[in-house]
Amino acid sequence: MRNWNEIFQIEDLTRSVQTHRKAPRFMMELYDAVADSNGTLKSMKGLKGNIVRSFEGQSSGSYHFFNLTSFRPDERVIRAEFRWFRHQQPFMGRHHFYKVDLYEVMDSRPKPWRGNFISSRLLPIYTKGWEVFNITQMVTKWILNSGTNNGIVVVTALPAGDWFDSSIQMKGQSGQTNAYLVIYSDDGQKHYQHPPFYTGQNITTSLKLLEPIASSVESTMHNRRSVRALTSTCQRTNLYVDFTKIGWSGWIISPRGYNAYSCAGSCPFPLGEGLRATNHATVRSIMNALKLSQEAGRPCCVPDVLHPISLLYFDDEENVVLKQYDDMVAGSCGCH
């Protein structure tokens, strides 16, 4: 079984990280679209794989470089996007459109004529907003060979061919990041709901051979029923995990906490269907009641269905990550 360090891929979960960086709005909106305030997945729309990473990178004018060393080699890239925010341009006379060209930088000199052409787009001059470019093939190459990662250059030009600086920011917009690299990936871990161990067929009701034994044990346990009635049987109880109290609020963005639930209560003989007992637990219960073996202890009340939750957090490089973690919530409880 993997421990917390392996699950979260962070060496020191007790750290009190405080970052001054804000999560990109589109990552916050993506989280809100796929998960509720408890982290429970509510929609797969917008998700590709089980991990979404946003890299802010380093930008200088039209040049953008993204350090991808935090991307794990055991992950499979599904899609990579270059998200570039275009600002509304100042008055340019009779021009109403301009052209945007994307180039992959081939060496340390970010000049478009020394790069690989990626994509081109014609855009209105007097509007602003995010433009999303598919650069999956290029990013996959960067990850397989980090030496090819020299960044991206955004070149803007008027239809006549005259270049102009599209990175000029309007008043009040200085300091805002206008470019991100977003990678959708899959780490190969299961990201689905576990099937319940309970099959709906309890051995005491499905195997006629054991009916005499069950009847005998039930008679033996007759005098203990009054005691059993005072003890609550196996059931799911609340267990709220507050990330602030744990000390993880510095790096976990959302949710601020979640209900993991817990399983508590006894598993008395006979194990009725309401206790969602496995056949193994039923046989153990009989062996324990008849005192046929010292090793046959009573069945325990444990989770038999586990659900995932989604976390939005800062990784060690302060990149914002949206990831689905399995087996985080007890969906139901049973005797095992």
C-alpha atoms as a PDB file:
ATOM      1  CA  MET A   1       0.000   0.000   0.000  1.00  0.00           C
ATOM      2  CA  ARG A   2       1.373   3.419  -0.947  1.00  0.00           C
ATOM      3  CA  ASN A   3       1.994   5.967   1.784  1.00  0.00           C
ATOM      4  CA  TRP A   4       1.069   9.651   1.670  1.00  0.00           C
ATOM      5  CA  ASN A   5       4.457  10.656   0.273  1.00  0.00           C
ATOM      6  CA  GLU A   6       4.035   8.319  -2.690  1.00  0.00           C
ATOM      7  CA  ILE A   7       0.415   9.286  -3.256  1.00  0.00           C
ATOM      8  CA  PHE A   8       0.974  13.028  -3.231  1.00  0.00           C
ATOM      9  CA  GLN A   9       4.508  12.868  -4.678  1.00  0.00           C
ATOM     10  CA  ILE A  10       5.693  15.491  -2.216  1.00  0.00           C
ATOM     11  CA  GLU A  11       8.555  14.596   0.093  1.00  0.00           C
ATOM     12  CA  ASP A  12       7.514  16.605   3.119  1.00  0.00           C
ATOM     13  CA  LEU A  13       3.769  16.903   3.648  1.00  0.00           C
ATOM     14  CA  THR A  14       4.272  18.602   7.010  1.00  0.00           C
ATOM     15  CA  ARG A  15       5.861  21.616   5.341  1.00  0.00           C
ATOM     16  CA  SER A  16       4.095  24.962   5.754  1.00  0.00           C
ATOM     17  CA  VAL A  17       4.500  26.313   2.230  1.00  0.00           C
ATOM     18  CA  GLN A  18       3.348  29.868   1.689  1.00  0.00           C
ATOM     19  CA  THR A  19       3.273  31.042  -1.900  1.00  0.00           C
ATOM     20  CA  HIS A  20       2.524  34.540  -3.121  1.00  0.00           C
ATOM     21  CA  ARG A  21       1.507  33.218  -6.505  1.00  0.00           C
ATOM     22  CA  LYS A  22      -2.184  33.072  -7.328  1.00  0.00           C
ATOM     23  CA  ALA A  23      -3.832  30.195  -9.121  1.00  0.00           C
ATOM     24  CA  PRO A  24      -4.794  31.034 -12.723  1.00  0.00           C
ATOM     25  CA  ARG A  25      -8.449  31.867 -13.041  1.00  0.00           C
ATOM     26  CA  PHE A  26      -8.974  29.234 -15.740  1.00  0.00           C
ATOM     27  CA  MET A  27      -7.647  26.543 -13.368  1.00  0.00           C
ATOM     28  CA  MET A  28     -10.026  27.709 -10.634  1.00  0.00           C
ATOM     29  CA  GLU A  29     -12.900  27.637 -13.120  1.00  0.00           C
ATOM     30  CA  LEU A  30     -11.895  24.168 -14.309  1.00  0.00           C
ATOM     31  CA  TYR A  31     -11.874  22.900 -10.726  1.00  0.00           C
ATOM     32  CA  ASP A  32     -15.303  24.396 -10.042  1.00  0.00           C
ATOM     33  CA  ALA A  33     -16.610  22.768 -13.224  1.00  0.00           C
ATOM     34  CA  VAL A  34     -15.440  19.247 -12.368  1.00  0.00           C
ATOM     35  CA  ALA A  35     -15.614  19.108  -8.543  1.00  0.00           C
ATOM     36  CA  ASP A  36     -17.799  20.395  -5.729  1.00  0.00           C
ATOM     37  CA  SER A  37     -16.681  22.141  -2.536  1.00  0.00           C
ATOM     38  CA  ASN A  38     -15.913  18.749  -0.993  1.00  0.00           C
ATOM     39  CA  GLY A  39     -13.628  17.727  -3.857  1.00  0.00           C
ATOM     40  CA  THR A  40     -16.126  15.152  -5.121  1.00  0.00           C
ATOM     41  CA  LEU A  41     -15.999  14.701  -8.876  1.00  0.00           C
ATOM     42  CA  LYS A  42     -19.254  15.932 -10.396  1.00  0.00           C
ATOM     43  CA  SER A  43     -18.386  16.090 -14.105  1.00  0.00           C
ATOM     44  CA  MET A  44     -15.737  14.737 -16.468  1.00  0.00           C
ATOM     45  CA  LYS A  45     -16.355  17.578 -18.927  1.00  0.00           C
ATOM     46  CA  GLY A  46     -13.133  19.460 -19.543  1.00  0.00           C
ATOM     47  CA  LEU A  47     -10.968  16.682 -18.106  1.00  0.00           C
ATOM     48  CA  LYS A  48      -8.540  14.667 -20.192  1.00  0.00           C
ATOM     49  CA  GLY A  49      -6.807  12.065 -18.046  1.00  0.00           C
ATOM     50  CA  ASN A  50      -6.564  12.532 -14.281  1.00  0.00           C
ATOM     51  CA  ILE A  51      -3.995  15.354 -14.046  1.00  0.00           C
ATOM     52  CA  VAL A  52      -4.021  18.930 -15.344  1.00  0.00           C
ATOM     53  CA  ARG A  53      -0.891  21.055 -14.841  1.00  0.00           C
ATOM     54  CA  SER A  54      -0.499  24.752 -15.575  1.00  0.00           C
ATOM     55  CA  PHE A  55       3.044  26.095 -16.013  1.00  0.00           C
ATOM     56  CA  GLU A  56       3.439  29.856 -15.647  1.00  0.00           C
ATOM     57  CA  GLY A  57       7.002  29.864 -16.867  1.00  0.00           C
ATOM     58  CA  GLN A  58       9.241  32.824 -17.668  1.00  0.00           C
ATOM     59  CA  SER A  59       8.159  35.451 -20.158  1.00  0.00           C
ATOM     60  CA  SER A  60       9.947  38.391 -21.721  1.00  0.00           C
ATOM     61  CA  GLY A  61       7.868  40.267 -24.240  1.00  0.00           C
ATOM     62  CA  SER A  62       6.920  37.793 -26.938  1.00  0.00           C
ATOM     63  CA  TYR A  63       9.264  35.053 -25.650  1.00  0.00           C
ATOM     64  CA  HIS A  64       7.908  32.390 -23.263  1.00  0.00           C
ATOM     65  CA  PHE A  65       9.886  29.576 -21.623  1.00  0.00           C
ATOM     66  CA  PHE A  66       8.376  26.788 -19.490  1.00  0.00           C
ATOM     67  CA  ASN A  67      10.393  24.538 -17.188  1.00  0.00           C
ATOM     68  CA  LEU A  68       8.849  21.068 -17.428  1.00  0.00           C
ATOM     69  CA  THR A  69      11.186  19.207 -15.042  1.00  0.00           C
ATOM     70  CA  SER A  70       8.345  18.657 -12.551  1.00  0.00           C
ATOM     71  CA  PHE A  71       6.460  16.589 -15.138  1.00  0.00           C
ATOM     72  CA  ARG A  72       6.850  12.957 -14.086  1.00  0.00           C
ATOM     73  CA  PRO A  73       8.304  10.508 -16.627  1.00  0.00           C
ATOM     74  CA  ASP A  74       5.665   7.872 -15.822  1.00  0.00           C
ATOM     75  CA  GLU A  75       2.862  10.155 -17.055  1.00  0.00           C
ATOM     76  CA  ARG A  76       1.376  10.064 -20.545  1.00  0.00           C
ATOM     77  CA  VAL A  77       0.721  13.394 -22.243  1.00  0.00           C
ATOM     78  CA  ILE A  78      -2.807  13.518 -23.621  1.00  0.00           C
ATOM     79  CA  ARG A  79      -2.950  17.157 -24.684  1.00  0.00           C
ATOM     80  CA  ALA A  80      -0.791  20.262 -24.284  1.00  0.00           C
ATOM     81  CA  GLU A  81      -2.046  23.819 -24.790  1.00  0.00           C
ATOM     82  CA  PHE A  82      -0.352  27.176 -25.027  1.00  0.00           C
ATOM     83  CA  ARG A  83      -2.771  29.695 -23.523  1.00  0.00           C
ATOM     84  CA  TRP A  84      -1.943  33.282 -24.499  1.00  0.00           C
ATOM     85  CA  PHE A  85      -3.930  36.290 -23.345  1.00  0.00           C
ATOM     86  CA  ARG A  86      -4.157  38.939 -26.053  1.00  0.00           C
ATOM     87  CA  HIS A  87      -4.762  42.482 -24.894  1.00  0.00           C
ATOM     88  CA  GLN A  88      -6.861  44.982 -26.744  1.00  0.00           C
ATOM     89  CA  GLN A  89      -4.520  46.873 -29.065  1.00  0.00           C
ATOM     90  CA  PRO A  90      -4.378  50.675 -29.422  1.00  0.00           C
ATOM     91  CA  PHE A  91      -5.881  52.434 -32.422  1.00  0.00           C
ATOM     92  CA  MET A  92      -4.246  51.298 -35.660  1.00  0.00           C
ATOM     93  CA  GLY A  93      -6.025  53.347 -38.279  1.00  0.00           C
ATOM     94  CA  ARG A  94      -7.774  51.341 -40.952  1.00  0.00           C
ATOM     95  CA  HIS A  95      -6.557  47.971 -39.637  1.00  0.00           C
ATOM     96  CA  HIS A  96      -9.127  45.759 -37.937  1.00  0.00           C
ATOM     97  CA  PHE A  97      -7.255  42.444 -37.762  1.00  0.00           C
ATOM     98  CA  TYR A  98      -3.756  41.253 -37.019  1.00  0.00           C
ATOM     99  CA  LYS A  99      -1.986  37.934 -37.439  1.00  0.00           C
ATOM    100  CA  VAL A 100      -0.478  35.845 -34.642  1.00  0.00           C
ATOM    101  CA  ASP A 101       2.257  33.310 -35.432  1.00  0.00           C
ATOM    102  CA  LEU A 102       3.666  30.784 -32.970  1.00  0.00           C
ATOM    103  CA  TYR A 103       7.227  29.470 -33.307  1.00  0.00           C
ATOM    104  CA  GLU A 104       9.213  26.886 -31.372  1.00  0.00           C
ATOM    105  CA  VAL A 105      12.579  28.345 -30.412  1.00  0.00           C
ATOM    106  CA  MET A 106      15.399  26.176 -31.747  1.00  0.00           C
ATOM    107  CA  ASP A 107      18.306  27.697 -29.777  1.00  0.00           C
ATOM    108  CA  SER A 108      19.007  30.326 -27.131  1.00  0.00           C
ATOM    109  CA  ARG A 109      18.187  33.175 -29.515  1.00  0.00           C
ATOM    110  CA  PRO A 110      14.391  33.576 -29.646  1.00  0.00           C
ATOM    111  CA  LYS A 111      14.118  34.761 -33.253  1.00  0.00           C
ATOM    112  CA  PRO A 112      11.186  33.461 -35.321  1.00  0.00           C
ATOM    113  CA  TRP A 113      13.300  32.846 -38.402  1.00  0.00           C
ATOM    114  CA  ARG A 114      15.399  30.449 -36.343  1.00  0.00           C
ATOM    115  CA  GLY A 115      12.383  28.503 -35.057  1.00  0.00           C
ATOM    116  CA  ASN A 116       9.887  25.896 -36.154  1.00  0.00           C
ATOM    117  CA  PHE A 117       6.559  27.337 -37.223  1.00  0.00           C
ATOM    118  CA  ILE A 118       3.703  25.967 -35.072  1.00  0.00           C
ATOM    119  CA  SER A 119       0.477  27.800 -35.837  1.00  0.00           C
ATOM    120  CA  SER A 120      -1.034  31.010 -37.200  1.00  0.00           C
ATOM    121  CA  ARG A 121      -4.268  32.826 -36.407  1.00  0.00           C
ATOM    122  CA  LEU A 122      -6.033  35.995 -37.596  1.00  0.00           C
ATOM    123  CA  LEU A 123      -7.532  38.008 -34.708  1.00  0.00           C
ATOM    124  CA  PRO A 124      -9.590  41.206 -34.274  1.00  0.00           C
ATOM    125  CA  ILE A 125      -7.511  44.150 -33.065  1.00  0.00           C
ATOM    126  CA  TYR A 126     -10.059  45.747 -30.747  1.00  0.00           C
ATOM    127  CA  THR A 127     -10.983  42.702 -28.641  1.00  0.00           C
ATOM    128  CA  LYS A 128      -9.145  40.826 -25.919  1.00  0.00           C
ATOM    129  CA  GLY A 129      -9.240  37.343 -24.404  1.00  0.00           C
ATOM    130  CA  TRP A 130      -7.484  34.000 -24.162  1.00  0.00           C
ATOM    131  CA  GLU A 131      -6.255  32.201 -27.255  1.00  0.00           C
ATOM    132  CA  VAL A 132      -5.573  28.474 -26.946  1.00  0.00           C
ATOM    133  CA  PHE A 133      -3.113  26.697 -29.263  1.00  0.00           C
ATOM    134  CA  ASN A 134      -2.675  22.926 -29.444  1.00  0.00           C
ATOM    135  CA  ILE A 135       1.049  22.150 -29.044  1.00  0.00           C
ATOM    136  CA  THR A 136       0.794  18.522 -27.915  1.00  0.00           C
ATOM    137  CA  GLN A 137       3.338  17.106 -30.339  1.00  0.00           C
ATOM    138  CA  MET A 138       5.980  19.700 -29.495  1.00  0.00           C
ATOM    139  CA  VAL A 139       5.579  19.387 -25.705  1.00  0.00           C
ATOM    140  CA  THR A 140       5.750  15.592 -25.921  1.00  0.00           C
ATOM    141  CA  LYS A 141       9.082  16.003 -27.719  1.00  0.00           C
ATOM    142  CA  TRP A 142      10.279  18.431 -25.037  1.00  0.00           C
ATOM    143  CA  ILE A 143       9.447  15.963 -22.286  1.00  0.00           C
ATOM    144  CA  LEU A 144      11.175  13.059 -24.039  1.00  0.00           C
ATOM    145  CA  ASN A 145      14.224  15.222 -24.751  1.00  0.00           C
ATOM    146  CA  SER A 146      14.562  18.228 -22.445  1.00  0.00           C
ATOM    147  CA  GLY A 147      17.398  19.599 -24.576  1.00  0.00           C
ATOM    148  CA  THR A 148      14.907  20.566 -27.281  1.00  0.00           C
ATOM    149  CA  ASN A 149      12.914  22.799 -24.927  1.00  0.00           C
ATOM    150  CA  ASN A 150      13.930  26.376 -25.706  1.00  0.00           C
ATOM    151  CA  GLY A 151      10.541  28.019 -25.406  1.00  0.00           C
ATOM    152  CA  ILE A 152       7.956  29.658 -27.645  1.00  0.00           C
ATOM    153  CA  VAL A 153       7.914  32.963 -29.511  1.00  0.00           C
ATOM    154  CA  VAL A 154       4.664  34.776 -30.279  1.00  0.00           C
ATOM    155  CA  VAL A 155       4.990  37.025 -33.336  1.00  0.00           C
ATOM    156  CA  THR A 156       2.243  39.541 -34.142  1.00  0.00           C
ATOM    157  CA  ALA A 157       1.989  41.374 -37.443  1.00  0.00           C
ATOM    158  CA  LEU A 158      -0.459  43.466 -39.418  1.00  0.00           C
ATOM    159  CA  PRO A 159      -1.885  41.960 -42.614  1.00  0.00           C
ATOM    160  CA  ALA A 160       0.627  44.059 -44.590  1.00  0.00           C
ATOM    161  CA  GLY A 161       3.448  42.239 -42.824  1.00  0.00           C
ATOM    162  CA  ASP A 162       4.561  44.953 -40.387  1.00  0.00           C
ATOM    163  CA  TRP A 163       5.453  43.539 -36.978  1.00  0.00           C
ATOM    164  CA  PHE A 164       4.289  45.196 -33.791  1.00  0.00           C
ATOM    165  CA  ASP A 165       4.653  44.457 -30.075  1.00  0.00           C
ATOM    166  CA  SER A 166       1.469  42.761 -28.889  1.00  0.00           C
ATOM    167  CA  SER A 167       2.863  42.378 -25.377  1.00  0.00           C
ATOM    168  CA  ILE A 168       2.203  46.061 -24.624  1.00  0.00           C
ATOM    169  CA  GLN A 169      -0.155  46.015 -21.650  1.00  0.00           C
ATOM    170  CA  MET A 170      -2.947  48.478 -21.167  1.00  0.00           C
ATOM    171  CA  LYS A 171      -3.113  50.650 -18.059  1.00  0.00           C
ATOM    172  CA  GLY A 172      -3.848  48.688 -14.906  1.00  0.00           C
ATOM    173  CA  GLN A 173      -2.800  45.337 -16.419  1.00  0.00           C
ATOM    174  CA  SER A 174       0.918  45.423 -15.631  1.00  0.00           C
ATOM    175  CA  GLY A 175       2.271  42.450 -13.775  1.00  0.00           C
ATOM    176  CA  GLN A 176      -0.362  40.020 -14.991  1.00  0.00           C
ATOM    177  CA  THR A 177       0.819  36.774 -16.505  1.00  0.00           C
ATOM    178  CA  ASN A 178      -0.354  36.517 -20.093  1.00  0.00           C
ATOM    179  CA  ALA A 179       0.899  33.051 -21.050  1.00  0.00           C
ATOM    180  CA  TYR A 180       0.554  29.550 -19.612  1.00  0.00           C
ATOM    181  CA  LEU A 181       1.403  26.064 -20.740  1.00  0.00           C
ATOM    182  CA  VAL A 182      -1.310  23.570 -19.730  1.00  0.00           C
ATOM    183  CA  ILE A 183      -0.692  19.814 -19.907  1.00  0.00           C
ATOM    184  CA  TYR A 184      -3.420  17.185 -19.554  1.00  0.00           C
ATOM    185  CA  SER A 185      -1.922  13.836 -18.621  1.00  0.00           C
ATOM    186  CA  ASP A 186      -2.589  10.439 -17.099  1.00  0.00           C
ATOM    187  CA  ASP A 187      -0.324   8.721 -14.559  1.00  0.00           C
ATOM    188  CA  GLY A 188      -1.828   5.282 -15.156  1.00  0.00           C
ATOM    189  CA  GLN A 189      -3.358   5.054 -11.681  1.00  0.00           C
ATOM    190  CA  LYS A 190      -6.913   3.847 -11.471  1.00  0.00           C
ATOM    191  CA  HIS A 191      -9.311   6.773 -11.359  1.00  0.00           C
ATOM    192  CA  TYR A 192     -12.655   5.102 -11.054  1.00  0.00           C
ATOM    193  CA  GLN A 193     -14.947   3.955  -8.309  1.00  0.00           C
ATOM    194  CA  HIS A 194     -13.993   0.661  -6.743  1.00  0.00           C
ATOM    195  CA  PRO A 195     -16.621  -2.051  -7.122  1.00  0.00           C
ATOM    196  CA  PRO A 196     -17.995  -3.088  -3.736  1.00  0.00           C
ATOM    197  CA  PHE A 197     -16.682  -6.265  -2.219  1.00  0.00           C
ATOM    198  CA  TYR A 198     -20.214  -7.140  -1.174  1.00  0.00           C
ATOM    199  CA  THR A 199     -21.932  -9.082  -3.975  1.00  0.00           C
ATOM    200  CA  GLY A 200     -25.466  -9.076  -2.611  1.00  0.00           C
ATOM    201  CA  GLN A 201     -25.389 -12.809  -1.888  1.00  0.00           C
ATOM    202  CA  ASN A 202     -24.664 -13.575   1.726  1.00  0.00           C
ATOM    203  CA  ILE A 203     -23.366 -17.081   2.301  1.00  0.00           C
ATOM    204  CA  THR A 204     -25.872 -17.787   5.098  1.00  0.00           C
ATOM    205  CA  THR A 205     -28.737 -17.252   2.683  1.00  0.00           C
ATOM    206  CA  SER A 206     -27.220 -18.570  -0.555  1.00  0.00           C
ATOM    207  CA  LEU A 207     -25.620 -21.834   0.655  1.00  0.00           C
ATOM    208  CA  LYS A 208     -28.174 -24.322   1.985  1.00  0.00           C
ATOM    209  CA  LEU A 209     -25.379 -26.474   3.330  1.00  0.00           C
ATOM    210  CA  LEU A 210     -24.619 -23.931   6.047  1.00  0.00           C
ATOM    211  CA  GLU A 211     -28.199 -23.408   7.208  1.00  0.00           C
ATOM    212  CA  PRO A 212     -27.971 -26.011  10.025  1.00  0.00           C
ATOM    213  CA  ILE A 213     -24.744 -24.410  11.230  1.00  0.00           C
ATOM    214  CA  ALA A 214     -26.220 -20.937  11.119  1.00  0.00           C
ATOM    215  CA  SER A 215     -29.280 -22.139  13.010  1.00  0.00           C
ATOM    216  CA  SER A 216     -27.104 -23.766  15.667  1.00  0.00           C
ATOM    217  CA  VAL A 217     -24.973 -20.679  16.133  1.00  0.00           C
ATOM    218  CA  GLU A 218     -28.005 -18.402  16.263  1.00  0.00           C
ATOM    219  CA  SER A 219     -29.370 -20.531  19.067  1.00  0.00           C
ATOM    220  CA  THR A 220     -26.038 -20.334  20.876  1.00  0.00           C
ATOM    221  CA  MET A 221     -26.048 -16.537  20.531  1.00  0.00           C
ATOM    222  CA  HIS A 222     -29.674 -16.121  21.676  1.00  0.00           C
ATOM    223  CA  ASN A 223     -28.702 -14.979  25.158  1.00  0.00           C
ATOM    224  CA  ARG A 224     -26.301 -12.357  23.779  1.00  0.00           C
ATOM    225  CA  ARG A 225     -28.869 -10.469  21.737  1.00  0.00           C
ATOM    226  CA  SER A 226     -29.693  -8.067  24.533  1.00  0.00           C
ATOM    227  CA  VAL A 227     -26.018  -7.068  24.730  1.00  0.00           C
ATOM    228  CA  ARG A 228     -25.785  -6.795  20.931  1.00  0.00           C
ATOM    229  CA  ALA A 229     -28.752  -4.443  20.855  1.00  0.00           C
ATOM    230  CA  LEU A 230     -26.828  -1.958  22.979  1.00  0.00           C
ATOM    231  CA  THR A 231     -23.953  -1.873  20.515  1.00  0.00           C
ATOM    232  CA  SER A 232     -24.340   0.034  17.264  1.00  0.00           C
ATOM    233  CA  THR A 233     -23.748  -2.105  14.205  1.00  0.00           C
ATOM    234  CA  CYS A 234     -21.372  -1.304  11.380  1.00  0.00           C
ATOM    235  CA  GLN A 235     -22.198   2.006   9.741  1.00  0.00           C
ATOM    236  CA  ARG A 236     -20.628   5.036   8.056  1.00  0.00           C
ATOM    237  CA  THR A 237     -19.852   8.045  10.250  1.00  0.00           C
ATOM    238  CA  ASN A 238     -18.586  11.538   9.502  1.00  0.00           C
ATOM    239  CA  LEU A 239     -14.850  12.262   9.489  1.00  0.00           C
ATOM    240  CA  TYR A 240     -14.074  15.778   8.263  1.00  0.00           C
ATOM    241  CA  VAL A 241     -10.503  16.427   7.167  1.00  0.00           C
ATOM    242  CA  ASP A 242      -9.555  20.090   7.637  1.00  0.00           C
ATOM    243  CA  PHE A 243      -6.434  20.849   5.559  1.00  0.00           C
ATOM    244  CA  THR A 244      -5.807  24.029   7.566  1.00  0.00           C
ATOM    245  CA  LYS A 245      -5.562  22.113  10.838  1.00  0.00           C
ATOM    246  CA  ILE A 246      -3.262  19.537   9.240  1.00  0.00           C
ATOM    247  CA  GLY A 247      -1.018  22.345   8.034  1.00  0.00           C
ATOM    248  CA  TRP A 248      -1.557  21.820   4.292  1.00  0.00           C
ATOM    249  CA  SER A 249      -3.507  25.012   3.531  1.00  0.00           C
ATOM    250  CA  GLY A 250      -0.315  26.649   2.243  1.00  0.00           C
ATOM    251  CA  TRP A 251      -0.204  24.418  -0.827  1.00  0.00           C
ATOM    252  CA  ILE A 252      -3.708  22.983  -1.224  1.00  0.00           C
ATOM    253  CA  ILE A 253      -5.940  25.550  -2.948  1.00  0.00           C
ATOM    254  CA  SER A 254      -9.220  23.629  -3.100  1.00  0.00           C
ATOM    255  CA  PRO A 255     -11.005  22.118  -1.345  1.00  0.00           C
ATOM    256  CA  ARG A 256     -10.207  23.576   2.066  1.00  0.00           C
ATOM    257  CA  GLY A 257     -11.245  20.234   3.525  1.00  0.00           C
ATOM    258  CA  TYR A 258     -13.514  17.286   2.823  1.00  0.00           C
ATOM    259  CA  ASN A 259     -15.572  14.569   4.497  1.00  0.00           C
ATOM    260  CA  ALA A 260     -13.536  11.357   4.270  1.00  0.00           C
ATOM    261  CA  TYR A 261     -16.098   9.437   6.370  1.00  0.00           C
ATOM    262  CA  SER A 262     -15.187   6.552   8.632  1.00  0.00           C
ATOM    263  CA  CYS A 263     -16.566   3.126   9.438  1.00  0.00           C
ATOM    264  CA  ALA A 264     -17.502   2.246  12.998  1.00  0.00           C
ATOM    265  CA  GLY A 265     -19.618  -0.287  14.823  1.00  0.00           C
ATOM    266  CA  SER A 266     -19.762  -3.994  15.496  1.00  0.00           C
ATOM    267  CA  CYS A 267     -20.247  -6.969  13.216  1.00  0.00           C
ATOM    268  CA  PRO A 268     -22.297  -9.347  15.414  1.00  0.00           C
ATOM    269  CA  PHE A 269     -23.571 -12.777  14.460  1.00  0.00           C
ATOM    270  CA  PRO A 270     -25.655 -13.393  12.462  1.00  0.00           C
ATOM    271  CA  LEU A 271     -24.385 -11.016   9.809  1.00  0.00           C
ATOM    272  CA  GLY A 272     -27.491  -9.775   8.035  1.00  0.00           C
ATOM    273  CA  GLU A 273     -27.493  -8.387   4.512  1.00  0.00           C
ATOM    274  CA  GLY A 274     -27.652  -4.870   5.879  1.00  0.00           C
ATOM    275  CA  LEU A 275     -24.075  -5.316   7.098  1.00  0.00           C
ATOM    276  CA  ARG A 276     -22.816  -5.968   3.536  1.00  0.00           C
ATOM    277  CA  ALA A 277     -20.708  -8.860   4.763  1.00  0.00           C
ATOM    278  CA  THR A 278     -18.464 -10.838   2.470  1.00  0.00           C
ATOM    279  CA  ASN A 279     -18.740 -14.631   2.398  1.00  0.00           C
ATOM    280  CA  HIS A 280     -15.328 -14.820   4.051  1.00  0.00           C
ATOM    281  CA  ALA A 281     -16.547 -12.593   6.898  1.00  0.00           C
ATOM    282  CA  THR A 282     -19.672 -14.723   7.353  1.00  0.00           C
ATOM    283  CA  VAL A 283     -17.652 -17.939   7.681  1.00  0.00           C
ATOM    284  CA  ARG A 284     -15.254 -16.203  10.076  1.00  0.00           C
ATOM    285  CA  SER A 285     -18.202 -15.001  12.133  1.00  0.00           C
ATOM    286  CA  ILE A 286     -19.533 -18.551  12.435  1.00  0.00           C
ATOM    287  CA  MET A 287     -16.107 -19.946  13.364  1.00  0.00           C
ATOM    288  CA  ASN A 288     -15.688 -17.221  15.966  1.00  0.00           C
ATOM    289  CA  ALA A 289     -19.146 -17.732  17.476  1.00  0.00           C
ATOM    290  CA  LEU A 290     -18.629 -21.496  17.810  1.00  0.00           C
ATOM    291  CA  LYS A 291     -15.093 -20.907  19.161  1.00  0.00           C
ATOM    292  CA  LEU A 292     -13.721 -23.372  16.611  1.00  0.00           C
ATOM    293  CA  SER A 293     -10.477 -21.461  16.087  1.00  0.00           C
ATOM    294  CA  GLN A 294      -8.483 -18.903  18.022  1.00  0.00           C
ATOM    295  CA  GLU A 295      -7.424 -17.302  14.750  1.00  0.00           C
ATOM    296  CA  ALA A 296     -11.002 -16.640  13.670  1.00  0.00           C
ATOM    297  CA  GLY A 297     -11.598 -13.205  15.137  1.00  0.00           C
ATOM    298  CA  ARG A 298     -14.757 -11.224  14.598  1.00  0.00           C
ATOM    299  CA  PRO A 299     -15.166  -9.463  11.248  1.00  0.00           C
ATOM    300  CA  CYS A 300     -14.303  -5.767  11.257  1.00  0.00           C
ATOM    301  CA  CYS A 301     -16.305  -2.779  10.056  1.00  0.00           C
ATOM    302  CA  VAL A 302     -14.333  -1.274   7.162  1.00  0.00           C
ATOM    303  CA  PRO A 303     -14.950   0.702   3.950  1.00  0.00           C
ATOM    304  CA  ASP A 304     -16.071  -1.536   1.088  1.00  0.00           C
ATOM    305  CA  VAL A 305     -16.528   1.216  -1.496  1.00  0.00           C
ATOM    306  CA  LEU A 306     -14.006   4.045  -1.885  1.00  0.00           C
ATOM    307  CA  HIS A 307     -14.408   7.191  -3.962  1.00  0.00           C
ATOM    308  CA  PRO A 308     -11.821   9.651  -5.338  1.00  0.00           C
ATOM    309  CA  ILE A 309     -11.622  13.391  -4.797  1.00  0.00           C
ATOM    310  CA  SER A 310     -10.036  16.142  -6.878  1.00  0.00           C
ATOM    311  CA  LEU A 311      -7.392  18.456  -5.430  1.00  0.00           C
ATOM    312  CA  LEU A 312      -6.175  21.791  -6.780  1.00  0.00           C
ATOM    313  CA  TYR A 313      -2.739  22.582  -5.350  1.00  0.00           C
ATOM    314  CA  PHE A 314       0.719  24.104  -5.848  1.00  0.00           C
ATOM    315  CA  ASP A 315       3.507  21.614  -6.539  1.00  0.00           C
ATOM    316  CA  ASP A 316       7.126  22.081  -5.428  1.00  0.00           C
ATOM    317  CA  GLU A 317       7.795  24.382  -8.403  1.00  0.00           C
ATOM    318  CA  GLU A 318       4.672  26.442  -7.573  1.00  0.00           C
ATOM    319  CA  ASN A 319       2.893  25.210 -10.683  1.00  0.00           C
ATOM    320  CA  VAL A 320      -0.842  24.759 -10.174  1.00  0.00           C
ATOM    321  CA  VAL A 321      -2.026  21.161 -10.511  1.00  0.00           C
ATOM    322  CA  LEU A 322      -5.509  19.679 -10.652  1.00  0.00           C
ATOM    323  CA  LYS A 323      -5.334  15.972  -9.873  1.00  0.00           C
ATOM    324  CA  GLN A 324      -7.741  13.203  -9.001  1.00  0.00           C
ATOM    325  CA  TYR A 325      -6.699  11.043  -6.039  1.00  0.00           C
ATOM    326  CA  ASP A 326      -8.232   7.623  -5.570  1.00  0.00           C
ATOM    327  CA  ASP A 327      -9.526   5.921  -2.422  1.00  0.00           C
ATOM    328  CA  MET A 328     -10.018   9.143  -0.439  1.00  0.00           C
ATOM    329  CA  VAL A 329     -13.664   8.817   0.655  1.00  0.00           C
ATOM    330  CA  ALA A 330     -15.429   5.888   2.295  1.00  0.00           C
ATOM    331  CA  GLY A 331     -18.532   5.470   0.163  1.00  0.00           C
ATOM    332  CA  SER A 332     -20.083   2.711   2.252  1.00  0.00           C
ATOM    333  CA  CYS A 333     -19.125   0.289   5.023  1.00  0.00           C
ATOM    334  CA  GLY A 334     -19.358  -3.452   5.462  1.00  0.00           C
ATOM    335  CA  CYS A 335     -18.196  -6.315   7.637  1.00  0.00           C
ATOM    336  CA  HIS A 336     -15.006  -7.960   6.389  1.00  0.00           C
END
